[in-house]
């Protein structure tokens, strides 16, 4: 059984042609999937019954199953999906005013080894196909009422997007297409730990997407301790590649910085970071750590957070502190997968203020 969401236009068009169907059937199927949110071929009522049956005999719309669906009081919803090979990934819907943002995964697990991150604690199993990445988006889309639509996509779930670049870009082309999810490239962000060669590939391809680079430290010694792959790369090479991407795309760069109590949240770290970013047109997105069971890292104190913010703002750095959402449903990437019980029955969990 083929995954319809992994289709290439030529393959599906050839299938329709071989079935004696007109070419406009392709557009009808695409509309049913993305605009009309059909969950099965039976719902595609302007297709003939024989065609629907033939599609159902050769293609499947969904290859994952939802093994856990968690809801937070702040409107955040998180899905834990399981693929037929047993691999599990997480994806998140975040509500903020009129924004309906989604965060999706690109790999089963992660090989980057960030010591504070739950996603990579068990290493990486495999890359997701473009259809599996797209399936996450469509499942999250279907959590919204019919009169709401997705507004932003962030490739910041499990895995390193630039280590699965081909499939990620294939998915984002569909997501940004008017006949797909119709989300502007300006509202799509690829988050990376920083792989210079892949960033330069994005530059060569004249990528239209925003780039967010996860720094987490202002110097190589500390960053290598937190992000082990940095030992073979170094911050300077990452910044150089990011600068080239900015010059080519004109899109302001975002640098992510997870704030860890007593480790990278001191005044000296803020001053070093300001020195690296001062002459760059960047946004620094600071994320107070979301604790992970079994790991020793803690959320910084309000005093340390305020001092960190003040030093960077005084240096002229554009900085924002991300509002933490979904803490009570383990919304940080990888947490839900690790805490999920082995029982495979689908679940929906609603957390009340008193729980």
Protein backbone atom coordinates (compact mmCIF):
# COMPACT_ATOMS: atom_id res chain seq x y z
CA UNK A 1 0.00 0.00 0.00
CA UNK A 2 1.53 3.34 -1.06
CA UNK A 3 1.36 6.46 1.08
CA UNK A 4 -0.60 9.01 -0.96
CA UNK A 5 1.12 11.90 0.83
CA UNK A 6 4.46 10.64 -0.49
CA UNK A 7 3.20 10.96 -4.05
CA UNK A 8 5.00 12.84 -6.76
CA UNK A 9 2.70 14.67 -9.13
CA UNK A 10 3.83 12.65 -12.13
CA UNK A 11 3.18 9.35 -10.37
CA UNK A 12 -0.35 10.22 -9.29
CA UNK A 13 -1.14 11.80 -12.65
CA UNK A 14 0.10 8.65 -14.38
CA UNK A 15 -2.06 6.51 -12.08
CA UNK A 16 -5.12 8.61 -12.94
CA UNK A 17 -4.33 8.49 -16.65
CA UNK A 18 -3.88 4.72 -16.57
CA UNK A 19 -7.25 4.51 -14.83
CA UNK A 20 -8.89 6.39 -17.69
CA UNK A 21 -9.46 9.54 -15.62
CA UNK A 22 -9.23 13.16 -16.74
CA UNK A 23 -6.29 15.25 -15.55
CA UNK A 24 -8.49 17.52 -13.41
CA UNK A 25 -9.02 14.61 -10.99
CA UNK A 26 -5.56 15.33 -9.61
CA UNK A 27 -6.62 18.81 -8.48
CA UNK A 28 -9.81 17.43 -7.01
CA UNK A 29 -7.90 14.92 -4.89
CA UNK A 30 -5.45 17.59 -3.71
CA UNK A 31 -8.34 19.87 -2.74
CA UNK A 32 -10.02 17.09 -0.77
CA UNK A 33 -6.82 16.44 1.19
CA UNK A 34 -5.72 19.98 1.99
CA UNK A 35 -8.72 22.29 1.77
CA UNK A 36 -11.62 19.97 2.54
CA UNK A 37 -9.73 17.90 5.11
CA UNK A 38 -11.01 14.55 3.93
CA UNK A 39 -9.97 11.66 6.15
CA UNK A 40 -10.72 8.91 3.66
CA UNK A 41 -11.27 8.35 -0.05
CA UNK A 42 -14.95 7.63 0.68
CA UNK A 43 -15.40 11.31 1.57
CA UNK A 44 -14.23 12.47 -1.89
CA UNK A 45 -17.75 12.51 -3.26
CA UNK A 46 -17.05 14.17 -6.62
CA UNK A 47 -14.86 11.18 -7.54
CA UNK A 48 -16.62 8.16 -8.97
CA UNK A 49 -17.11 5.21 -6.66
CA UNK A 50 -14.88 2.96 -8.84
CA UNK A 51 -12.07 5.53 -8.67
CA UNK A 52 -12.43 5.89 -4.90
CA UNK A 53 -12.27 2.13 -4.53
CA UNK A 54 -9.23 1.88 -6.78
CA UNK A 55 -7.45 4.63 -4.84
CA UNK A 56 -8.27 2.90 -1.55
CA UNK A 57 -6.93 -0.40 -2.87
CA UNK A 58 -3.53 1.06 -3.75
CA UNK A 59 -3.03 4.11 -1.53
CA UNK A 60 -3.45 5.04 2.11
CA UNK A 61 -3.91 8.58 3.42
CA UNK A 62 -2.66 7.85 6.93
CA UNK A 63 0.24 5.60 7.86
CA UNK A 64 0.54 6.63 11.52
CA UNK A 65 -1.76 6.07 14.44
CA UNK A 66 -2.34 8.54 17.26
CA UNK A 67 -1.22 6.78 20.42
CA UNK A 68 -1.60 9.81 22.68
CA UNK A 69 -3.36 13.15 22.31
CA UNK A 70 -2.68 15.65 25.09
CA UNK A 71 -4.40 19.00 25.62
CA UNK A 72 -3.22 21.88 27.78
CA UNK A 73 -5.28 24.64 29.35
CA UNK A 74 -3.39 27.24 27.29
CA UNK A 75 -4.72 25.69 24.07
CA UNK A 76 -1.61 23.68 23.22
CA UNK A 77 -2.27 20.22 21.82
CA UNK A 78 0.32 17.52 21.30
CA UNK A 79 0.13 14.29 19.34
CA UNK A 80 2.33 11.25 19.78
CA UNK A 81 2.26 9.34 16.50
CA UNK A 82 3.48 5.83 15.86
CA UNK A 83 4.52 4.52 12.45
CA UNK A 84 4.11 0.91 11.29
CA UNK A 85 7.78 0.16 12.08
CA UNK A 86 7.20 1.15 15.72
CA UNK A 87 8.95 4.52 15.51
CA UNK A 88 7.28 7.36 17.39
CA UNK A 89 7.38 11.12 16.84
CA UNK A 90 5.72 14.13 18.37
CA UNK A 91 4.07 17.17 16.84
CA UNK A 92 2.43 20.18 18.48
CA UNK A 93 -0.32 22.72 17.77
CA UNK A 94 0.13 26.06 19.55
CA UNK A 95 -2.58 28.71 19.84
CA UNK A 96 -1.53 32.32 20.44
CA UNK A 97 -4.13 34.97 19.66
CA UNK A 98 -5.00 34.54 15.99
CA UNK A 99 -1.89 32.47 15.32
CA UNK A 100 -2.21 28.75 14.82
CA UNK A 101 1.35 27.47 14.72
CA UNK A 102 2.52 23.91 14.41
CA UNK A 103 5.83 22.30 15.32
CA UNK A 104 6.61 19.08 13.48
CA UNK A 105 9.34 16.44 13.51
CA UNK A 106 11.75 15.52 10.73
CA UNK A 107 13.32 12.35 12.19
CA UNK A 108 12.51 9.51 14.56
CA UNK A 109 14.83 10.55 17.37
CA UNK A 110 17.84 12.80 16.86
CA UNK A 111 21.58 12.29 16.39
CA UNK A 112 22.74 15.75 17.48
CA UNK A 113 23.12 14.69 21.13
CA UNK A 114 22.17 17.97 22.86
CA UNK A 115 22.61 16.94 26.49
CA UNK A 116 19.51 18.73 27.80
CA UNK A 117 17.09 17.55 25.09
CA UNK A 118 14.74 14.59 25.43
CA UNK A 119 14.57 14.02 21.66
CA UNK A 120 18.08 12.68 21.32
CA UNK A 121 18.40 10.62 24.49
CA UNK A 122 17.83 7.42 22.52
CA UNK A 123 19.67 8.50 19.37
CA UNK A 124 18.19 8.58 15.88
CA UNK A 125 16.37 5.72 14.17
CA UNK A 126 15.70 7.13 10.71
CA UNK A 127 14.64 10.07 8.61
CA UNK A 128 10.94 10.67 8.07
CA UNK A 129 9.66 10.65 4.51
CA UNK A 130 8.13 13.82 3.11
CA UNK A 131 4.72 12.14 3.38
CA UNK A 132 5.27 11.37 7.07
CA UNK A 133 6.24 14.98 7.76
CA UNK A 134 3.22 16.21 5.82
CA UNK A 135 0.96 13.76 7.66
CA UNK A 136 1.88 15.45 10.96
CA UNK A 137 0.81 18.80 9.53
CA UNK A 138 -2.51 17.43 8.31
CA UNK A 139 -3.27 15.68 11.59
CA UNK A 140 -2.66 18.94 13.46
CA UNK A 141 -4.74 20.87 10.93
CA UNK A 142 -7.67 18.58 11.68
CA UNK A 143 -7.57 19.60 15.36
CA UNK A 144 -8.81 23.04 14.28
CA UNK A 145 -12.43 23.99 13.65
CA UNK A 146 -13.36 24.32 9.97
CA UNK A 147 -13.29 28.12 10.16
CA UNK A 148 -9.67 28.16 11.39
CA UNK A 149 -6.53 27.46 9.40
CA UNK A 150 -2.87 26.92 10.16
CA UNK A 151 -0.82 30.10 10.02
CA UNK A 152 2.78 29.14 10.85
CA UNK A 153 5.02 26.08 10.56
CA UNK A 154 8.20 25.46 12.52
CA UNK A 155 10.46 22.53 11.73
CA UNK A 156 11.55 22.28 15.35
CA UNK A 157 10.17 18.95 16.51
CA UNK A 158 12.20 15.79 16.94
CA UNK A 159 15.27 15.46 14.76
CA UNK A 160 17.60 17.77 12.84
CA UNK A 161 15.78 19.11 9.75
CA UNK A 162 18.99 19.82 7.85
CA UNK A 163 20.03 16.18 8.25
CA UNK A 164 16.89 15.29 6.27
CA UNK A 165 17.01 18.28 3.96
CA UNK A 166 15.58 16.78 0.77
CA UNK A 167 12.43 15.44 2.42
CA UNK A 168 11.95 18.57 4.53
CA UNK A 169 12.15 20.85 1.49
CA UNK A 170 9.79 18.61 -0.51
CA UNK A 171 7.24 18.85 2.32
CA UNK A 172 7.58 22.60 2.71
CA UNK A 173 7.07 23.16 -1.00
CA UNK A 174 3.70 21.42 -0.67
CA UNK A 175 2.85 23.23 2.56
CA UNK A 176 3.59 26.63 1.02
CA UNK A 177 1.77 25.93 -2.25
CA UNK A 178 -1.59 27.65 -2.68
CA UNK A 179 -3.14 24.29 -3.50
CA UNK A 180 -1.46 22.72 -0.47
CA UNK A 181 -1.72 24.29 2.96
CA UNK A 182 -1.17 27.74 1.48
CA UNK A 183 1.15 28.93 4.24
CA UNK A 184 3.46 31.74 3.17
CA UNK A 185 7.17 30.91 3.16
CA UNK A 186 7.62 33.95 5.40
CA UNK A 187 5.67 32.05 8.04
CA UNK A 188 7.73 28.87 7.80
CA UNK A 189 10.87 28.40 9.88
CA UNK A 190 13.54 25.72 9.68
CA UNK A 191 15.30 25.28 13.01
CA UNK A 192 18.77 23.76 13.04
CA UNK A 193 21.56 23.06 15.48
CA UNK A 194 23.82 24.42 12.75
CA UNK A 195 25.22 22.36 9.87
CA UNK A 196 27.20 24.81 7.71
CA UNK A 197 27.20 22.67 4.55
CA UNK A 198 23.41 22.27 4.68
CA UNK A 199 22.87 25.96 5.42
CA UNK A 200 24.95 26.79 2.35
CA UNK A 201 22.84 24.35 0.35
CA UNK A 202 19.77 26.34 1.41
CA UNK A 203 21.55 29.46 0.20
CA UNK A 204 22.36 27.85 -3.17
CA UNK A 205 18.74 26.77 -3.56
CA UNK A 206 17.61 30.34 -2.79
CA UNK A 207 15.41 29.03 0.01
CA UNK A 208 12.51 31.28 0.95
CA UNK A 209 12.14 30.08 4.53
CA UNK A 210 13.22 31.62 7.81
CA UNK A 211 16.25 30.08 9.47
CA UNK A 212 16.59 29.60 13.23
CA UNK A 213 19.96 28.46 14.55
CA UNK A 214 20.14 26.88 17.99
CA UNK A 215 23.25 28.29 19.68
CA UNK A 216 22.68 27.59 23.39
CA UNK A 217 26.15 28.88 24.30
CA UNK A 218 28.33 31.91 23.46
CA UNK A 219 31.65 30.07 23.18
CA UNK A 220 32.87 26.79 21.69
CA UNK A 221 34.04 25.24 24.96
CA UNK A 222 30.61 25.47 26.57
CA UNK A 223 28.69 24.74 23.37
CA UNK A 224 30.63 21.53 22.78
CA UNK A 225 29.64 20.37 26.26
CA UNK A 226 25.98 21.11 25.56
CA UNK A 227 25.90 20.28 21.85
CA UNK A 228 28.59 17.62 21.21
CA UNK A 229 28.49 17.90 17.40
CA UNK A 230 29.87 21.41 17.82
CA UNK A 231 33.33 19.89 18.37
CA UNK A 232 33.61 19.18 14.63
CA UNK A 233 32.02 22.45 13.55
CA UNK A 234 32.54 25.49 15.78
CA UNK A 235 30.37 28.55 16.26
CA UNK A 236 32.29 30.74 13.80
CA UNK A 237 31.60 28.40 10.85
CA UNK A 238 27.92 28.29 11.75
CA UNK A 239 27.69 32.08 11.99
CA UNK A 240 29.52 32.52 8.67
CA UNK A 241 27.10 30.18 6.89
CA UNK A 242 24.13 31.90 8.55
CA UNK A 243 25.44 35.31 7.44
CA UNK A 244 25.61 34.06 3.84
CA UNK A 245 22.03 32.83 4.08
CA UNK A 246 20.92 36.24 5.38
CA UNK A 247 22.74 38.07 2.57
CA UNK A 248 21.11 35.81 -0.01
CA UNK A 249 17.59 35.63 1.37
CA UNK A 250 17.22 38.96 3.13
CA UNK A 251 15.39 37.19 5.93
CA UNK A 252 16.33 38.15 9.45
CA UNK A 253 18.06 35.30 11.26
CA UNK A 254 16.80 33.91 14.53
CA UNK A 255 19.16 32.42 17.08
CA UNK A 256 17.70 30.09 19.68
CA UNK A 257 19.16 29.94 23.17
CA UNK A 258 17.84 27.51 25.79
CA UNK A 259 18.57 29.05 29.18
CA UNK A 260 19.90 26.49 31.69
CA UNK A 261 20.18 27.43 35.35
CA UNK A 262 23.79 27.96 36.45
CA UNK A 263 25.22 26.74 33.15
CA UNK A 264 24.70 29.28 30.36
CA UNK A 265 22.59 31.95 32.09
CA UNK A 266 25.27 34.04 33.82
CA UNK A 267 26.23 37.65 33.09
CA UNK A 268 29.49 36.55 31.45
CA UNK A 269 27.53 34.38 29.00
CA UNK A 270 25.19 37.23 28.12
CA UNK A 271 28.13 39.57 27.47
CA UNK A 272 29.91 37.04 25.27
CA UNK A 273 26.72 36.37 23.35
CA UNK A 274 26.14 40.08 22.84
CA UNK A 275 29.65 40.38 21.42
CA UNK A 276 28.96 37.69 18.84
CA UNK A 277 25.59 39.03 17.73
CA UNK A 278 25.97 42.81 18.10
CA UNK A 279 26.68 43.61 14.45
CA UNK A 280 24.19 41.12 13.01
CA UNK A 281 20.55 41.74 12.06
CA UNK A 282 19.19 38.98 14.25
CA UNK A 283 16.45 38.09 16.66
CA UNK A 284 17.57 36.23 19.76
CA UNK A 285 14.87 33.86 20.94
CA UNK A 286 15.54 32.85 24.54
CA UNK A 287 13.79 29.78 25.89
CA UNK A 288 13.79 29.10 29.65
CA UNK A 289 14.51 25.39 30.05
CA UNK A 290 11.57 23.00 30.25
CA UNK A 291 12.76 20.30 32.72
CA UNK A 292 13.04 16.71 31.50
CA UNK A 293 12.61 13.81 33.91
CA UNK A 294 15.92 12.06 34.50
CA UNK A 295 18.09 15.01 33.43
CA UNK A 296 19.79 17.33 35.95
CA UNK A 297 19.12 20.64 34.22
CA UNK A 298 16.82 23.26 35.76
CA UNK A 299 14.87 26.36 34.77
CA UNK A 300 16.83 29.56 35.58
CA UNK A 301 15.69 31.89 38.36
CA UNK A 302 13.74 35.02 37.52
CA UNK A 303 16.71 37.11 38.72
CA UNK A 304 19.13 35.34 36.36
CA UNK A 305 16.65 35.62 33.51
CA UNK A 306 16.14 39.35 34.09
CA UNK A 307 19.89 40.00 34.24
CA UNK A 308 20.46 38.02 31.03
CA UNK A 309 17.75 39.98 29.26
CA UNK A 310 19.00 43.36 30.48
CA UNK A 311 22.60 42.81 29.37
CA UNK A 312 21.57 41.81 25.86
CA UNK A 313 19.02 44.59 25.47
CA UNK A 314 21.59 47.16 26.65
CA UNK A 315 23.89 45.82 23.90
CA UNK A 316 21.20 46.55 21.30
CA UNK A 317 20.27 42.92 20.64
CA UNK A 318 16.67 42.32 19.61
CA UNK A 319 15.56 39.69 22.08
CA UNK A 320 12.36 37.90 22.97
CA UNK A 321 11.66 35.36 25.66
CA UNK A 322 9.44 32.61 24.41
CA UNK A 323 6.37 32.06 26.50
CA UNK A 324 6.39 28.52 27.80
CA UNK A 325 3.36 26.59 26.65
CA UNK A 326 2.09 23.12 27.37
CA UNK A 327 4.41 22.44 30.32
CA UNK A 328 1.84 20.19 31.97
CA UNK A 329 1.56 17.98 28.87
CA UNK A 330 5.32 17.54 28.38
CA UNK A 331 5.26 19.79 25.32
CA UNK A 332 9.04 19.94 24.97
CA UNK A 333 10.18 17.73 22.11
CA UNK A 334 10.79 14.12 23.06
CA UNK A 335 9.23 14.29 26.51
CA UNK A 336 5.91 12.72 25.62
CA UNK A 337 7.53 9.84 23.78
CA UNK A 338 9.70 9.01 26.78
CA UNK A 339 6.90 9.21 29.34
CA UNK A 340 4.31 7.37 27.25
CA UNK A 341 3.16 4.10 28.77
CA UNK A 342 3.54 0.99 26.62
CA UNK A 343 -0.21 0.57 26.36
CA UNK A 344 -0.93 1.35 22.69
CA UNK A 345 -4.59 2.30 23.07
CA UNK A 346 -5.23 5.85 21.79
CA UNK A 347 -5.65 8.33 24.63
CA UNK A 348 -6.80 11.90 25.11
CA UNK A 349 -5.57 13.63 28.25
CA UNK A 350 -7.02 16.93 29.47
CA UNK A 351 -5.07 18.61 32.28
CA UNK A 352 -7.13 20.63 34.73
CA UNK A 353 -5.69 23.48 36.85
CA UNK A 354 -5.88 21.34 39.98
CA UNK A 355 -4.02 18.36 38.53
